[in-house]
C-alpha cells in the first residue's frame, strides 16, 4: 500500500462526501429518534432472550454484551458468573481476556505513530529494526499488520512457544525458513506482532504497554483495562474456562510474555471496550482518514483480496455487503464494528470455545434488519433449535425450510451447524447430532470437514459402514485430512 497516496485520496473522499467514503453513517434525524428508540427497545428484549438461550446451549458461565448504535450504548448486560469456584457474578466492571482482540489496539498504535510521521505502512521493517535475518528485511509494516509477511512463527504447531522461553523462541524463529514471499499468502502469525511491538518501543520512546495505556486507555477513560495473563493479579478478572475432551470444565492457564502482548494480553470490560470504540468513531484516537485507512481490507501482491485490514480481521468487503471489522480472541471474546451501519456489537465471555463471533451478526441483525441476510444465518440456527426442541429432529429439513420462510433468513453456516452437532455429541445426544450434521452435509456437500464430522457421529453411533462412507468422502474432498485418514485406517482394521 502506498499510504501517503491512499491517505490523500481518503481525505479528499471524505471532504467531497463520495458514496461509501465516510467512516460512519450520519446520526439519525430527530424525527426518527423516537421510532429508533422504540425499535432499539424491542431489539434489546430479543437480544436478551437470544443471549440467554446461547449461554445455555454453549454452556457459557458468564458474559458481557454491549451494543453501540449511533455512537451510543443502546444495550448492555452482564450475565452469569465470573468465577464458578467462588460464585462471583459478572457485573459491569468485570474484565475478560480478549486475547488476540489485542491486535486491534496494536493497529491503532501503529496508525498513531503514522500520524506523527514516525512510520509508513509501505516501509520495510529493516528501516526501523537492525540485525534482522536477510529474508525478513523487505517485509513491510502493512504485511506485518495483515499477516501476509510469510515469516516463521515463534509458536509451534500446538500453539506453544518454541523451546527456550521467549528469548529462545525468538532466536529459533530467526533461523527458520520463511513460509512464502511477502504478500503472496495469508498466514496468521505471532512473529508479526512481536516485531510490531519492538518497532513501537523504539519509535514511541516508551514500552508498548505504556504507549497503549497513555495513548489509548487514558485518553478514552479505561481505568479497569490492563495487560496480563494467568500469572498476574488482575482486579475484577473473570476466570477463564474450557471444556475438556471428557466434558469436564477446566481452568484455562495462559501465558503472554511481555514481548507478545502486542498480539494478546488485554483484559477489559464490554463497557470500557465500548468507550474505546466510540472514541475511535469520534476521532479522539485517530483522524478520520487514518481510521478509514486502518479499516481498508488489504490485498495480496497479485491484487486478490486478503482477509485482514491493518490489525483487524475484515469480515466482509464493500458497503453493499455490510462490511465489518473485528477483534476476535481465544474463542471467547469478539467485537464487530459495522462502519456503514453505524453499529458495533461486543460479546466477552469466560469460556474458550464459546465462539461469540458466531453470534454477533445475529445480534446486529436484530437492530439493523438489513444485516439479517448476512453472517451465516445465526438467527436461522437459533430458531431451528427452538423448532427441534419442540418437535424433535426427525424433520429437520422441513423445520429449516419453515424457519427460512417465516423469518426470511439464509441457511445456517457450515461452521455453526458443525458446532451445534459437536455440542450434541459432547452431551451423548448421538442421534440428534447425526440429524444436525446430516443436514450440514446436505447443505454443504462439497465440504470435507462436514463429512468428517458426520463420520465421527456415525462412529459414535457404532455404524462403521456409514462412518467409513463419509470418512472416504472427506478424503476425496481433502486428501490432506489427517483425522479422516486415521479414523478410516482404524475402522478398516476392525
Protein backbone atom coordinates (compact mmCIF):
# COMPACT_ATOMS: atom_id res chain seq x y z
CA UNK A 1 0.00 0.00 0.00
CA UNK A 2 1.30 3.46 -0.85
CA UNK A 3 -0.07 5.11 2.26
CA UNK A 4 0.55 8.80 1.51
CA UNK A 5 -1.41 8.48 -1.73
CA UNK A 6 -4.12 6.45 -0.01
CA UNK A 7 -4.37 8.97 2.81
CA UNK A 8 -4.73 11.87 0.38
CA UNK A 9 -7.43 10.03 -1.54
CA UNK A 10 -9.37 9.23 1.62
CA UNK A 11 -9.11 12.82 2.86
CA UNK A 12 -10.40 14.09 -0.47
CA UNK A 13 -13.17 11.49 -0.49
CA UNK A 14 -14.28 12.44 3.00
CA UNK A 15 -14.28 16.12 2.10
CA UNK A 16 -16.34 15.59 -1.05
CA UNK A 17 -18.74 13.07 0.50
CA UNK A 18 -18.21 10.36 -2.09
CA UNK A 19 -20.55 7.36 -1.71
CA UNK A 20 -19.15 4.82 0.70
CA UNK A 21 -16.26 7.07 1.71
CA UNK A 22 -17.48 8.06 5.16
CA UNK A 23 -16.17 6.13 8.10
CA UNK A 24 -19.52 6.32 9.88
CA UNK A 25 -23.08 6.96 8.87
CA UNK A 26 -24.64 10.29 9.87
CA UNK A 27 -26.68 10.33 13.11
CA UNK A 28 -30.43 9.85 12.66
CA UNK A 29 -32.67 12.88 12.21
CA UNK A 30 -34.65 13.95 15.28
CA UNK A 31 -37.90 12.96 13.63
CA UNK A 32 -36.67 9.38 13.53
CA UNK A 33 -35.24 9.32 17.04
CA UNK A 34 -38.41 8.11 18.79
CA UNK A 35 -39.01 5.39 16.24
CA UNK A 36 -35.38 4.26 16.54
CA UNK A 37 -35.59 4.21 20.33
CA UNK A 38 -38.73 2.05 20.22
CA UNK A 39 -37.13 -0.32 17.73
CA UNK A 40 -33.98 -0.50 19.85
CA UNK A 41 -36.01 -1.42 22.94
CA UNK A 42 -37.71 -4.25 21.05
CA UNK A 43 -34.38 -5.41 19.66
CA UNK A 44 -32.81 -5.36 23.13
CA UNK A 45 -35.54 -7.63 24.50
CA UNK A 46 -34.96 -10.06 21.63
CA UNK A 47 -31.19 -9.94 22.14
CA UNK A 48 -31.51 -10.71 25.84
CA UNK A 49 -33.62 -13.79 25.09
CA UNK A 50 -31.19 -14.86 22.35
CA UNK A 51 -28.12 -14.47 24.57
CA UNK A 52 -29.68 -16.40 27.45
CA UNK A 53 -30.54 -19.23 25.05
CA UNK A 54 -26.99 -19.22 23.64
CA UNK A 55 -25.44 -19.24 27.11
CA UNK A 56 -27.44 -22.35 27.92
CA UNK A 57 -26.71 -24.01 24.56
CA UNK A 58 -22.96 -23.27 24.65
CA UNK A 59 -22.67 -23.70 28.45
CA UNK A 60 -21.08 -20.27 28.86
CA UNK A 61 -20.54 -19.49 32.56
CA UNK A 62 -20.52 -15.70 32.22
CA UNK A 63 -20.50 -12.90 29.68
CA UNK A 64 -20.99 -9.24 28.96
CA UNK A 65 -22.65 -7.83 25.88
CA UNK A 66 -22.86 -4.25 24.64
CA UNK A 67 -24.45 -2.82 21.50
CA UNK A 68 -23.45 0.62 20.26
CA UNK A 69 -25.63 2.44 17.78
CA UNK A 70 -25.09 5.99 16.51
CA UNK A 71 -22.13 6.22 18.94
CA UNK A 72 -24.30 5.48 21.97
CA UNK A 73 -24.73 2.32 24.01
CA UNK A 74 -28.28 1.10 23.36
CA UNK A 75 -27.95 -2.23 25.17
CA UNK A 76 -25.58 -3.50 27.85
CA UNK A 77 -25.93 -6.50 30.10
CA UNK A 78 -23.80 -8.66 32.40
CA UNK A 79 -24.93 -12.28 32.75
CA UNK A 80 -23.81 -15.37 34.61
CA UNK A 81 -20.81 -15.97 36.84
CA UNK A 82 -17.26 -14.65 36.55
CA UNK A 83 -15.81 -17.23 38.92
CA UNK A 84 -17.55 -20.55 39.40
CA UNK A 85 -15.34 -21.66 42.29
CA UNK A 86 -16.41 -18.72 44.46
CA UNK A 87 -19.80 -17.95 42.95
CA UNK A 88 -18.80 -14.43 41.88
CA UNK A 89 -21.33 -12.95 39.44
CA UNK A 90 -20.38 -10.99 36.34
CA UNK A 91 -21.06 -7.27 36.73
CA UNK A 92 -20.36 -4.21 34.61
CA UNK A 93 -16.79 -3.87 35.94
CA UNK A 94 -15.77 -7.50 35.41
CA UNK A 95 -12.88 -7.70 32.95
CA UNK A 96 -12.35 -10.51 30.44
CA UNK A 97 -9.33 -11.59 28.45
CA UNK A 98 -9.76 -10.53 24.81
CA UNK A 99 -6.69 -12.50 23.69
CA UNK A 100 -5.97 -11.72 20.01
CA UNK A 101 -8.51 -8.89 20.03
CA UNK A 102 -5.49 -7.02 21.40
CA UNK A 103 -4.14 -6.84 17.83
CA UNK A 104 -6.75 -4.17 17.03
CA UNK A 105 -5.20 -1.93 19.70
CA UNK A 106 -1.80 -2.54 18.13
CA UNK A 107 -3.23 -1.47 14.78
CA UNK A 108 -4.39 1.80 16.37
CA UNK A 109 -0.94 2.30 17.96
CA UNK A 110 0.79 1.93 14.59
CA UNK A 111 -1.63 4.40 12.96
CA UNK A 112 -0.97 6.88 15.78
CA UNK A 113 2.76 6.68 15.01
CA UNK A 114 1.92 7.16 11.35
CA UNK A 115 0.03 10.36 12.16
CA UNK A 116 3.15 11.56 13.99
CA UNK A 117 5.19 10.96 10.83
CA UNK A 118 7.30 8.28 12.51
CA UNK A 119 6.32 5.28 10.38
CA UNK A 120 4.99 4.37 6.93
CA UNK A 121 2.88 1.33 6.18
CA UNK A 122 4.71 0.53 2.96
CA UNK A 123 8.17 0.86 4.55
CA UNK A 124 10.30 -2.26 5.08
CA UNK A 125 10.76 -3.44 8.65
CA UNK A 126 14.52 -3.03 8.20
CA UNK A 127 14.04 0.75 8.20
CA UNK A 128 13.11 0.59 11.89
CA UNK A 129 14.89 -2.51 13.24
CA UNK A 130 18.50 -3.63 12.84
CA UNK A 131 20.12 -7.08 12.73
CA UNK A 132 17.15 -8.95 11.25
CA UNK A 133 17.61 -12.02 9.01
CA UNK A 134 18.09 -11.03 5.37
CA UNK A 135 14.88 -12.79 4.32
CA UNK A 136 12.88 -10.67 6.80
CA UNK A 137 14.16 -7.25 5.88
CA UNK A 138 11.87 -6.43 2.93
CA UNK A 139 8.65 -7.27 4.78
CA UNK A 140 6.54 -4.13 5.13
CA UNK A 141 4.73 -2.79 8.18
CA UNK A 142 1.39 -3.39 6.43
CA UNK A 143 2.33 -7.03 5.79
CA UNK A 144 3.06 -7.49 9.49
CA UNK A 145 -0.30 -5.98 10.42
CA UNK A 146 -2.30 -8.06 7.93
CA UNK A 147 -0.42 -11.38 8.31
CA UNK A 148 0.88 -11.60 4.75
CA UNK A 149 4.56 -11.42 5.77
CA UNK A 150 5.36 -15.11 5.31
CA UNK A 151 7.63 -15.04 8.37
CA UNK A 152 8.14 -18.14 10.53
CA UNK A 153 6.16 -18.24 13.77
CA UNK A 154 7.54 -18.06 17.30
CA UNK A 155 4.82 -20.59 18.22
CA UNK A 156 4.86 -24.25 17.25
CA UNK A 157 2.02 -26.20 15.60
CA UNK A 158 0.40 -26.77 19.01
CA UNK A 159 0.35 -23.03 19.79
CA UNK A 160 3.19 -23.20 22.33
CA UNK A 161 6.33 -21.07 22.33
CA UNK A 162 9.33 -22.62 20.62
CA UNK A 163 11.80 -24.01 23.24
CA UNK A 164 13.86 -21.74 25.45
CA UNK A 165 11.30 -19.25 26.69
CA UNK A 166 10.67 -16.00 24.83
CA UNK A 167 14.36 -15.32 24.18
CA UNK A 168 14.99 -18.83 22.92
CA UNK A 169 11.85 -18.84 20.78
CA UNK A 170 12.82 -15.52 19.21
CA UNK A 171 16.32 -16.77 18.36
CA UNK A 172 14.94 -20.03 16.96
CA UNK A 173 12.37 -18.29 14.78
CA UNK A 174 15.10 -16.24 13.14
CA UNK A 175 16.85 -19.42 12.00
CA UNK A 176 13.75 -20.90 10.35
CA UNK A 177 12.95 -20.53 6.63
CA UNK A 178 10.21 -18.12 5.57
CA UNK A 179 6.87 -19.68 4.64
CA UNK A 180 6.44 -17.71 1.39
CA UNK A 181 7.47 -14.46 -0.26
CA UNK A 182 5.91 -11.37 1.38
CA UNK A 183 2.44 -10.55 0.13
CA UNK A 184 1.79 -13.90 -1.54
CA UNK A 185 -0.48 -15.58 1.00
CA UNK A 186 -2.11 -15.18 4.42
CA UNK A 187 -0.66 -16.90 7.47
CA UNK A 188 -1.75 -15.87 10.96
CA UNK A 189 1.46 -15.39 12.85
CA UNK A 190 2.60 -14.07 16.23
CA UNK A 191 6.07 -13.14 14.96
CA UNK A 192 4.45 -10.28 13.04
CA UNK A 193 3.20 -8.66 16.22
CA UNK A 194 6.41 -9.27 18.20
CA UNK A 195 8.16 -7.21 15.52
CA UNK A 196 5.48 -4.52 15.68
CA UNK A 197 5.99 -4.29 19.42
CA UNK A 198 9.73 -3.81 19.00
CA UNK A 199 9.06 -1.07 16.46
CA UNK A 200 6.55 0.71 18.72
CA UNK A 201 9.01 0.53 21.63
CA UNK A 202 11.70 2.16 19.51
CA UNK A 203 9.66 4.83 17.73
CA UNK A 204 7.40 5.90 20.60
CA UNK A 205 10.19 6.25 23.14
CA UNK A 206 8.39 4.09 25.70
CA UNK A 207 7.43 0.41 26.04
CA UNK A 208 4.42 -0.75 24.03
CA UNK A 209 2.34 -1.41 27.16
CA UNK A 210 2.92 2.14 28.42
CA UNK A 211 2.26 3.62 24.98
CA UNK A 212 -1.15 1.93 24.73
CA UNK A 213 -2.02 2.90 28.28
CA UNK A 214 -1.11 6.56 27.75
CA UNK A 215 -2.37 7.00 24.17
CA UNK A 216 -5.49 4.82 24.34
CA UNK A 217 -6.62 3.69 27.80
CA UNK A 218 -6.04 7.08 29.47
CA UNK A 219 -7.46 9.09 26.56
CA UNK A 220 -10.66 7.04 26.49
CA UNK A 221 -11.04 6.57 30.25
CA UNK A 222 -10.44 2.84 30.72
CA UNK A 223 -9.19 2.57 34.35
CA UNK A 224 -10.13 -1.11 34.70
CA UNK A 225 -8.35 -2.22 31.50
CA UNK A 226 -4.84 -3.64 31.65
CA UNK A 227 -2.43 -6.19 30.24
CA UNK A 228 -1.85 -9.51 31.97
CA UNK A 229 -2.14 -13.29 31.96
CA UNK A 230 -2.88 -16.11 34.40
CA UNK A 231 0.20 -15.31 36.49
CA UNK A 232 -0.90 -11.73 37.16
CA UNK A 233 -3.25 -10.49 39.87
CA UNK A 234 -5.91 -8.55 37.94
CA UNK A 235 -8.71 -6.80 39.77
CA UNK A 236 -12.25 -7.93 38.80
CA UNK A 237 -10.87 -10.51 36.34
CA UNK A 238 -13.25 -13.24 35.21
CA UNK A 239 -11.74 -16.70 35.47
CA UNK A 240 -11.32 -18.40 32.08
CA UNK A 241 -12.59 -21.94 31.47
CA UNK A 242 -12.73 -24.58 28.76
CA UNK A 243 -14.40 -27.97 28.42
CA UNK A 244 -12.01 -30.92 28.22
CA UNK A 245 -12.48 -33.85 25.88
CA UNK A 246 -14.34 -35.68 28.61
CA UNK A 247 -16.79 -32.79 29.01
CA UNK A 248 -15.29 -31.62 32.31
CA UNK A 249 -14.97 -27.88 32.83
CA UNK A 250 -11.36 -26.88 33.44
CA UNK A 251 -9.46 -23.70 34.23
CA UNK A 252 -7.58 -22.05 31.36
CA UNK A 253 -3.98 -21.22 32.21
CA UNK A 254 -2.32 -18.97 29.65
CA UNK A 255 0.93 -17.08 29.45
CA UNK A 256 1.53 -13.93 27.40
CA UNK A 257 5.20 -12.89 27.69
CA UNK A 258 5.69 -9.13 27.59
CA UNK A 259 7.13 -9.29 24.06
CA UNK A 260 3.94 -10.99 22.80
CA UNK A 261 1.41 -8.67 24.42
CA UNK A 262 1.09 -6.73 21.16
CA UNK A 263 -0.80 -9.80 19.93
CA UNK A 264 -2.66 -10.89 23.08
CA UNK A 265 -2.94 -9.85 26.70
CA UNK A 266 -5.53 -7.10 27.17
CA UNK A 267 -8.16 -7.61 29.86
CA UNK A 268 -11.13 -5.26 29.62
CA UNK A 269 -14.89 -4.99 30.04
CA UNK A 270 -17.59 -4.53 27.41
CA UNK A 271 -18.26 -1.11 28.93
CA UNK A 272 -14.69 0.10 28.53
CA UNK A 273 -14.23 -1.57 25.15
CA UNK A 274 -17.41 0.20 24.06
CA UNK A 275 -15.95 3.53 25.16
CA UNK A 276 -12.84 2.76 23.10
CA UNK A 277 -14.94 2.03 20.00
CA UNK A 278 -16.89 5.27 20.43
CA UNK A 279 -13.61 7.17 20.84
CA UNK A 280 -12.43 5.68 17.54
CA UNK A 281 -15.68 6.71 15.88
CA UNK A 282 -15.46 10.24 17.25
CA UNK A 283 -11.88 10.83 16.08
CA UNK A 284 -10.41 11.00 19.59
CA UNK A 285 -7.79 8.33 18.91
CA UNK A 286 -7.24 8.68 15.15
CA UNK A 287 -8.11 11.17 12.45
CA UNK A 288 -10.99 10.00 10.22
CA UNK A 289 -8.73 9.34 7.23
CA UNK A 290 -6.35 7.25 9.34
CA UNK A 291 -9.28 5.26 10.72
CA UNK A 292 -10.60 4.62 7.22
CA UNK A 293 -7.15 3.53 6.04
CA UNK A 294 -6.75 1.19 9.04
CA UNK A 295 -10.09 -0.43 8.25
CA UNK A 296 -9.47 -0.78 4.50
CA UNK A 297 -9.12 -4.51 3.67
CA UNK A 298 -5.72 -5.39 2.27
CA UNK A 299 -4.80 -7.24 -0.91
CA UNK A 300 -2.17 -9.78 -1.88
CA UNK A 301 0.65 -8.82 -4.22
CA UNK A 302 -1.35 -10.08 -7.23
CA UNK A 303 -4.40 -7.99 -6.32
CA UNK A 304 -6.53 -10.74 -4.77
CA UNK A 305 -8.36 -9.70 -1.60
CA UNK A 306 -6.65 -10.65 1.65
CA UNK A 307 -8.66 -11.38 4.83
CA UNK A 308 -7.29 -8.68 7.16
CA UNK A 309 -7.07 -4.92 7.31
CA UNK A 310 -4.42 -3.17 9.48
CA UNK A 311 -4.65 -5.18 12.71
CA UNK A 312 -8.30 -6.08 12.17
CA UNK A 313 -9.95 -9.10 10.50
CA UNK A 314 -12.09 -7.77 7.62
CA UNK A 315 -15.30 -9.77 7.86
CA UNK A 316 -16.89 -8.55 4.64
CA UNK A 317 -15.96 -6.11 1.89
CA UNK A 318 -17.97 -3.25 0.43
CA UNK A 319 -20.91 -1.24 1.72
CA UNK A 320 -23.43 -3.46 -0.04
CA UNK A 321 -22.11 -6.44 1.94
CA UNK A 322 -22.45 -4.54 5.25
CA UNK A 323 -18.72 -4.63 5.84
CA UNK A 324 -17.48 -5.32 9.33
CA UNK A 325 -14.12 -5.04 11.06
CA UNK A 326 -13.47 -7.27 14.02
CA UNK A 327 -11.44 -8.17 17.03
CA UNK A 328 -11.61 -11.89 17.82
CA UNK A 329 -9.67 -13.69 20.52
CA UNK A 330 -9.28 -17.01 22.23
CA UNK A 331 -12.58 -18.42 21.00
CA UNK A 332 -14.13 -16.47 23.88
CA UNK A 333 -14.26 -12.75 23.06
CA UNK A 334 -15.21 -10.78 19.98
CA UNK A 335 -16.29 -7.35 18.82
CA UNK A 336 -17.54 -6.26 15.40
CA UNK A 337 -17.79 -2.72 14.06
CA UNK A 338 -20.09 -2.09 11.08
CA UNK A 339 -18.84 1.30 9.80
CA UNK A 340 -21.52 1.82 7.15
CA UNK A 341 -24.33 0.84 9.54
CA UNK A 342 -23.02 2.93 12.47
CA UNK A 343 -23.29 -0.13 14.68
CA UNK A 344 -20.98 -2.15 16.90
CA UNK A 345 -21.51 -5.30 18.97
CA UNK A 346 -19.26 -6.60 21.76
CA UNK A 347 -19.56 -10.04 23.37
CA UNK A 348 -16.98 -11.04 26.00
CA UNK A 349 -17.18 -14.47 27.66
CA UNK A 350 -15.07 -16.57 30.00
CA UNK A 351 -15.37 -19.82 28.03
CA UNK A 352 -12.70 -20.74 25.50
CA UNK A 353 -14.64 -22.33 22.66
CA UNK A 354 -17.78 -20.24 23.17
CA UNK A 355 -17.07 -18.59 19.78
CA UNK A 356 -19.12 -15.43 20.33
CA UNK A 357 -18.11 -14.24 16.86
CA UNK A 358 -20.75 -16.68 15.59
CA UNK A 359 -23.41 -14.70 17.48
CA UNK A 360 -22.56 -11.12 16.65
CA UNK A 361 -24.13 -10.85 13.19
CA UNK A 362 -27.36 -12.25 14.63
CA UNK A 363 -27.37 -9.63 17.38
CA UNK A 364 -26.58 -6.90 14.85
CA UNK A 365 -29.43 -8.07 12.61
CA UNK A 366 -31.92 -7.56 15.41
CA UNK A 367 -31.02 -3.84 15.44
CA UNK A 368 -30.43 -3.43 11.69
CA UNK A 369 -32.80 -5.74 9.75
CA UNK A 370 -30.74 -5.32 6.57
CA UNK A 371 -27.98 -7.29 8.31
CA UNK A 372 -30.14 -10.38 8.78
CA UNK A 373 -29.21 -11.69 5.36
CA UNK A 374 -25.51 -11.69 6.29
CA UNK A 375 -23.35 -13.60 8.69
CA UNK A 376 -24.20 -17.23 8.09
CA UNK A 377 -27.78 -17.50 9.27
CA UNK A 378 -27.25 -17.32 13.03
CA UNK A 379 -30.89 -16.37 13.52
CA UNK A 380 -31.92 -19.39 11.44
CA UNK A 381 -29.92 -21.70 13.70
CA UNK A 382 -31.43 -20.14 16.82
CA UNK A 383 -34.97 -20.60 15.52
CA UNK A 384 -34.18 -24.11 14.24
CA UNK A 385 -33.04 -25.11 17.71
CA UNK A 386 -36.38 -23.86 19.03
CA UNK A 387 -38.19 -25.96 16.42
CA UNK A 388 -36.25 -29.14 17.20
CA UNK A 389 -36.70 -28.50 20.91
CA UNK A 390 -40.46 -28.67 20.40
CA UNK A 391 -40.77 -31.22 17.61
CA UNK A 392 -37.63 -33.33 17.68
CA UNK A 393 -35.13 -33.89 14.86
CA UNK A 394 -37.00 -36.25 12.53
CA UNK A 395 -37.98 -33.50 10.07
CA UNK A 396 -35.07 -31.13 10.49
CA UNK A 397 -35.01 -30.24 6.78
CA UNK A 398 -38.68 -29.27 6.82
CA UNK A 399 -38.22 -27.36 10.05
CA UNK A 400 -35.39 -25.36 8.50
CA UNK A 401 -37.49 -24.55 5.43
CA UNK A 402 -40.23 -23.23 7.72
CA UNK A 403 -37.74 -21.09 9.67
CA UNK A 404 -36.36 -19.58 6.46
CA UNK A 405 -39.88 -18.89 5.19
CA UNK A 406 -41.10 -17.36 8.43
CA UNK A 407 -38.07 -15.20 9.27
CA UNK A 408 -36.65 -14.50 5.78
CA UNK A 409 -33.13 -15.56 6.82
CA UNK A 410 -30.39 -17.51 5.00
CA UNK A 411 -29.31 -21.05 5.82
CA UNK A 412 -27.15 -21.57 8.90
CA UNK A 413 -23.46 -21.62 8.10
CA UNK A 414 -21.46 -24.81 7.86
CA UNK A 415 -19.44 -23.77 10.93
CA UNK A 416 -22.50 -23.06 13.07
CA UNK A 417 -24.15 -26.38 12.20
CA UNK A 418 -20.89 -28.21 12.81
CA UNK A 419 -20.56 -26.53 16.20
CA UNK A 420 -24.10 -27.49 17.17
CA UNK A 421 -23.52 -31.08 16.08
CA UNK A 422 -20.36 -31.39 18.18
CA UNK A 423 -22.08 -29.89 21.21
CA UNK A 424 -24.76 -32.55 20.88
CA UNK A 425 -22.09 -35.25 20.58
CA UNK A 426 -20.36 -33.97 23.72
CA UNK A 427 -23.67 -34.45 25.56
CA UNK A 428 -24.02 -38.02 24.22
CA UNK A 429 -27.01 -36.98 22.10
CA UNK A 430 -25.79 -39.00 19.15
CA UNK A 431 -28.97 -39.31 17.07
CA UNK A 432 -29.70 -35.56 17.20
CA UNK A 433 -26.05 -34.92 16.31
CA UNK A 434 -26.39 -37.14 13.25
CA UNK A 435 -29.53 -35.24 12.22
CA UNK A 436 -27.77 -31.86 12.51
CA UNK A 437 -24.53 -32.95 10.83
CA UNK A 438 -26.51 -34.77 8.14
CA UNK A 439 -28.33 -31.52 7.42
CA UNK A 440 -24.96 -29.80 7.17
CA UNK A 441 -23.76 -32.42 4.68
CA UNK A 442 -26.85 -31.88 2.53
CA UNK A 443 -26.45 -28.11 2.60
CA UNK A 444 -22.66 -28.21 2.08
CA UNK A 445 -22.00 -31.46 0.19
CA UNK A 446 -18.54 -30.39 -1.01
CA UNK A 447 -17.15 -29.70 2.47
CA UNK A 448 -14.59 -32.25 3.63
CA UNK A 449 -14.97 -31.02 7.20
CA UNK A 450 -18.72 -31.64 7.23
CA UNK A 451 -18.32 -35.23 6.01
CA UNK A 452 -15.54 -35.82 8.53
CA UNK A 453 -17.78 -34.57 11.35
CA UNK A 454 -20.75 -36.66 10.20
CA UNK A 455 -18.48 -39.72 10.04
CA UNK A 456 -17.46 -39.15 13.67
CA UNK A 457 -21.11 -39.03 14.64
CA UNK A 458 -21.82 -42.31 12.86
CA UNK A 459 -18.76 -43.82 14.52
CA UNK A 460 -20.14 -42.73 17.91
CA UNK A 461 -23.42 -44.40 16.89
CA UNK A 462 -21.50 -47.63 16.19
CA UNK A 463 -22.34 -47.57 12.48
CA UNK A 464 -18.98 -48.37 10.82
CA UNK A 465 -20.42 -48.61 7.30
CA UNK A 466 -21.77 -45.05 7.24
CA UNK A 467 -18.75 -43.75 9.16
CA UNK A 468 -16.46 -45.29 6.53
CA UNK A 469 -18.52 -43.84 3.69
CA UNK A 470 -18.26 -40.30 5.00
CA UNK A 471 -14.59 -40.54 6.01
CA UNK A 472 -13.85 -41.68 2.45
CA UNK A 473 -15.84 -38.76 1.06
CA UNK A 474 -13.94 -36.38 3.33
CA UNK A 475 -10.65 -37.72 1.98
CA UNK A 476 -11.86 -37.43 -1.62
CA UNK A 477 -12.58 -33.76 -1.00
CA UNK A 478 -9.42 -33.15 1.06
CA UNK A 479 -6.65 -35.73 0.69
CA UNK A 480 -4.72 -33.99 3.49
CA UNK A 481 -7.45 -34.62 6.08
CA UNK A 482 -5.35 -36.49 8.65
CA UNK A 483 -8.24 -37.04 11.06
CA UNK A 484 -10.31 -38.82 8.40
CA UNK A 485 -7.32 -40.88 7.28
CA UNK A 486 -6.52 -42.03 10.81
CA UNK A 487 -10.11 -42.96 11.65
CA UNK A 488 -10.60 -44.73 8.32
CA UNK A 489 -7.46 -46.79 8.86
CA UNK A 490 -8.65 -47.80 12.32
CA UNK A 491 -12.09 -48.75 11.01
CA UNK A 492 -10.66 -50.85 8.18
CA UNK A 493 -8.54 -52.85 10.66
CA UNK A 494 -11.62 -53.96 12.57
